[in-house]
Amino acid sequence: MKSRRKIFQKRNGGKSMLSEKMEEALNEQINKELYSSYLYLAMSAYSSSVGLTGFAHWFRVQVEEENIHAMKLFDYVNNQGGRVKLKEIKEPPMEFGTAMNMFQQTLKHEQFITRSIHELVELAHAEKDEATASFLQWYVEEQVEEEENDNEIIAKLRGVDKNEYVIPSVDQDLAKRLPPR
């Protein structure tokens, strides 16, 4: 059975539907998504080490989501006849301080990813690559959800100074998060 890539390349004269700039930018985004997974795995390990098992669970689910994000990009590049070029993933921090600090870092990281996705959309339009621009809309919507979730958790954590039971309550809530489908 022929692979989709070989079939695609035969139909398209062996060329990628992606410009070199677009392919490189998508490969960079794959790396960012894999780093996100690695970062959240470190946060899960840290949460577990300080007894926040609900937080640890929440971040493990987030690891799965980030891997899905990376693999969707991976498959898209391949299906467009491009070439995935995996890069080194930098080491994440291993200490995160308070639960509030951890989620502030999470929000800051997701805002970075959001900017990166928006830059990809702009590049796709500049390259007149409407297929990629359309594909990236899923990521635009996903990032809105990611930032909303982080902001909601931060809002819950703001009550820590006023109520010592906030952390255990938030920890229990986070333990209920379901894995991605």
Protein backbone atom coordinates (compact mmCIF):
# COMPACT_ATOMS: atom_id res chain seq x y z
CA MET A 1 0.00 0.00 0.00
CA LYS A 2 1.39 3.37 -0.98
CA SER A 3 1.79 6.02 1.66
CA ARG A 4 -0.24 9.21 1.39
CA ARG A 5 2.98 11.18 1.02
CA LYS A 6 4.12 9.14 -2.00
CA ILE A 7 0.69 9.36 -3.61
CA PHE A 8 0.56 13.10 -2.93
CA GLN A 9 4.05 13.67 -4.29
CA LYS A 10 3.22 11.78 -7.49
CA ARG A 11 0.11 13.91 -8.01
CA ASN A 12 2.01 17.09 -7.21
CA GLY A 13 5.21 16.33 -9.11
CA GLY A 14 7.07 15.46 -5.88
CA LYS A 15 6.70 18.97 -4.45
CA SER A 16 5.42 20.12 -1.11
CA MET A 17 2.29 22.26 -0.98
CA LEU A 18 4.06 24.26 1.74
CA SER A 19 6.52 27.05 1.04
CA GLU A 20 9.93 26.62 2.66
CA LYS A 21 9.11 29.44 5.10
CA MET A 22 5.79 27.86 6.05
CA GLU A 23 7.32 24.41 6.46
CA GLU A 24 10.08 25.78 8.69
CA ALA A 25 7.59 27.75 10.80
CA LEU A 26 5.35 24.70 11.24
CA ASN A 27 8.38 22.64 12.28
CA GLU A 28 9.23 25.32 14.85
CA GLN A 29 5.66 25.11 16.16
CA ILE A 30 5.94 21.34 16.49
CA ASN A 31 8.98 21.96 18.69
CA LYS A 32 7.08 24.53 20.77
CA GLU A 33 4.19 22.12 21.30
CA LEU A 34 6.58 19.34 22.32
CA TYR A 35 8.32 21.74 24.72
CA SER A 36 4.89 22.60 26.14
CA SER A 37 4.34 18.90 26.78
CA TYR A 38 7.75 18.63 28.44
CA LEU A 39 7.09 21.74 30.57
CA TYR A 40 3.75 20.41 31.78
CA LEU A 41 5.31 17.03 32.53
CA ALA A 42 7.83 18.84 34.74
CA MET A 43 4.97 20.72 36.42
CA SER A 44 3.16 17.41 36.98
CA ALA A 45 6.26 15.91 38.58
CA TYR A 46 6.73 18.99 40.77
CA SER A 47 3.06 18.99 41.81
CA SER A 48 3.28 15.33 42.74
CA SER A 49 6.46 15.93 44.76
CA VAL A 50 4.72 18.59 46.89
CA GLY A 51 1.59 16.50 47.45
CA LEU A 52 -0.73 18.22 44.96
CA THR A 53 -2.00 15.10 43.24
CA GLY A 54 -4.93 16.89 41.59
CA PHE A 55 -2.56 19.46 40.09
CA ALA A 56 -0.26 16.61 39.00
CA HIS A 57 -3.20 14.91 37.28
CA TRP A 58 -4.31 18.15 35.57
CA PHE A 59 -0.83 18.70 34.17
CA ARG A 60 -0.57 15.06 32.99
CA VAL A 61 -3.78 15.58 31.01
CA GLN A 62 -2.26 18.80 29.65
CA VAL A 63 0.77 16.78 28.51
CA GLU A 64 -1.56 14.59 26.43
CA GLU A 65 -3.21 17.67 24.91
CA GLU A 66 0.11 19.21 23.92
CA ASN A 67 1.20 15.93 22.33
CA ILE A 68 -2.02 15.92 20.30
CA HIS A 69 -1.29 19.50 19.20
CA ALA A 70 2.21 18.50 18.08
CA MET A 71 1.00 15.40 16.24
CA LYS A 72 -1.71 17.30 14.36
CA LEU A 73 1.00 19.64 13.06
CA PHE A 74 3.30 16.68 12.36
CA ASP A 75 0.59 14.95 10.30
CA TYR A 76 -0.34 18.17 8.50
CA VAL A 77 3.23 18.84 7.37
CA ASN A 78 3.56 15.25 6.15
CA ASN A 79 0.17 15.25 4.43
CA GLN A 80 1.06 18.45 2.59
CA GLY A 81 4.15 16.77 1.18
CA GLY A 82 6.46 18.65 3.52
CA ARG A 83 9.22 17.27 5.67
CA VAL A 84 9.05 17.20 9.44
CA LYS A 85 12.37 18.21 10.98
CA LEU A 86 12.46 17.49 14.70
CA LYS A 87 14.64 19.77 16.76
CA GLU A 88 16.17 19.58 20.21
CA ILE A 89 13.71 20.20 23.05
CA LYS A 90 15.16 22.45 25.71
CA GLU A 91 15.12 21.35 29.33
CA PRO A 92 12.22 22.83 31.32
CA PRO A 93 12.60 24.24 34.83
CA MET A 94 11.96 21.72 37.62
CA GLU A 95 10.98 24.07 40.48
CA PHE A 96 7.83 26.19 40.30
CA GLY A 97 7.17 27.59 43.77
CA THR A 98 3.55 28.08 44.74
CA ALA A 99 0.51 26.74 42.94
CA MET A 100 -0.32 30.33 41.95
CA ASN A 101 3.16 30.85 40.53
CA MET A 102 2.89 27.61 38.58
CA PHE A 103 -0.37 28.65 36.94
CA GLN A 104 0.89 32.16 36.25
CA GLN A 105 3.81 30.53 34.42
CA THR A 106 1.35 28.26 32.60
CA LEU A 107 -0.72 31.25 31.47
CA LYS A 108 2.39 33.14 30.37
CA HIS A 109 3.53 30.11 28.35
CA GLU A 110 0.10 29.70 26.73
CA GLN A 111 0.11 33.40 25.80
CA PHE A 112 3.48 32.82 24.11
CA ILE A 113 1.98 29.87 22.19
CA THR A 114 -1.03 32.00 21.22
CA ARG A 115 1.25 34.69 19.77
CA SER A 116 3.16 32.01 17.90
CA ILE A 117 -0.05 30.58 16.40
CA HIS A 118 -1.18 34.06 15.34
CA GLU A 119 2.19 34.60 13.65
CA LEU A 120 1.73 31.30 11.79
CA VAL A 121 -1.71 32.41 10.58
CA GLU A 122 -0.24 35.73 9.40
CA LEU A 123 2.56 33.90 7.58
CA ALA A 124 0.07 31.53 5.95
CA HIS A 125 -1.89 34.51 4.60
CA ALA A 126 1.31 36.25 3.47
CA GLU A 127 2.36 33.06 1.65
CA LYS A 128 -1.15 32.82 0.13
CA ASP A 129 -1.49 29.41 1.77
CA GLU A 130 -5.19 29.36 2.57
CA ALA A 131 -5.19 25.64 3.36
CA THR A 132 -2.71 26.17 6.18
CA ALA A 133 -4.50 29.30 7.40
CA SER A 134 -7.71 27.27 7.57
CA PHE A 135 -5.97 24.36 9.33
CA LEU A 136 -4.54 26.74 11.94
CA GLN A 137 -7.98 28.08 12.94
CA TRP A 138 -8.41 25.03 15.18
CA TYR A 139 -5.29 26.15 17.07
CA VAL A 140 -6.56 29.73 17.35
CA GLU A 141 -9.75 28.45 19.00
CA GLU A 142 -7.84 25.97 21.15
CA GLN A 143 -5.62 28.74 22.51
CA VAL A 144 -8.65 30.80 23.55
CA GLU A 145 -9.79 27.78 25.59
CA GLU A 146 -6.30 27.19 27.03
CA GLU A 147 -5.98 30.76 28.30
CA GLU A 148 -9.55 30.77 29.67
CA ASN A 149 -8.85 27.58 31.65
CA ASP A 150 -5.64 29.01 33.10
CA ASN A 151 -7.35 32.29 34.03
CA GLU A 152 -10.18 30.40 35.78
CA ILE A 153 -7.71 28.40 37.87
CA ILE A 154 -5.74 31.55 38.73
CA ALA A 155 -8.99 33.21 39.85
CA LYS A 156 -9.71 30.26 42.16
CA LEU A 157 -6.17 30.37 43.55
CA ARG A 158 -6.47 34.08 44.42
CA GLY A 159 -8.49 33.07 47.48
CA VAL A 160 -5.55 31.23 49.08
CA ASP A 161 -4.57 34.15 51.34
CA LYS A 162 -8.14 34.43 52.66
CA ASN A 163 -8.95 30.74 53.03
CA GLU A 164 -6.54 27.92 53.83
CA TYR A 165 -8.91 25.38 52.24
CA VAL A 166 -8.65 26.85 48.75
CA ILE A 167 -5.63 24.77 47.66
CA PRO A 168 -7.16 21.41 48.69
CA SER A 169 -10.45 22.43 47.04
CA VAL A 170 -8.74 23.45 43.77
CA ASP A 171 -6.59 20.30 43.95
CA GLN A 172 -9.76 18.18 44.15
CA ASP A 173 -11.33 20.08 41.23
CA LEU A 174 -8.24 19.61 39.05
CA ALA A 175 -8.20 15.87 39.79
CA LYS A 176 -11.54 15.59 37.95
CA ARG A 177 -10.16 16.73 34.59
CA LEU A 178 -10.84 14.22 31.85
CA PRO A 179 -8.24 13.22 29.24
CA PRO A 180 -8.66 14.59 25.70
CA ARG A 181 -10.78 12.57 23.29
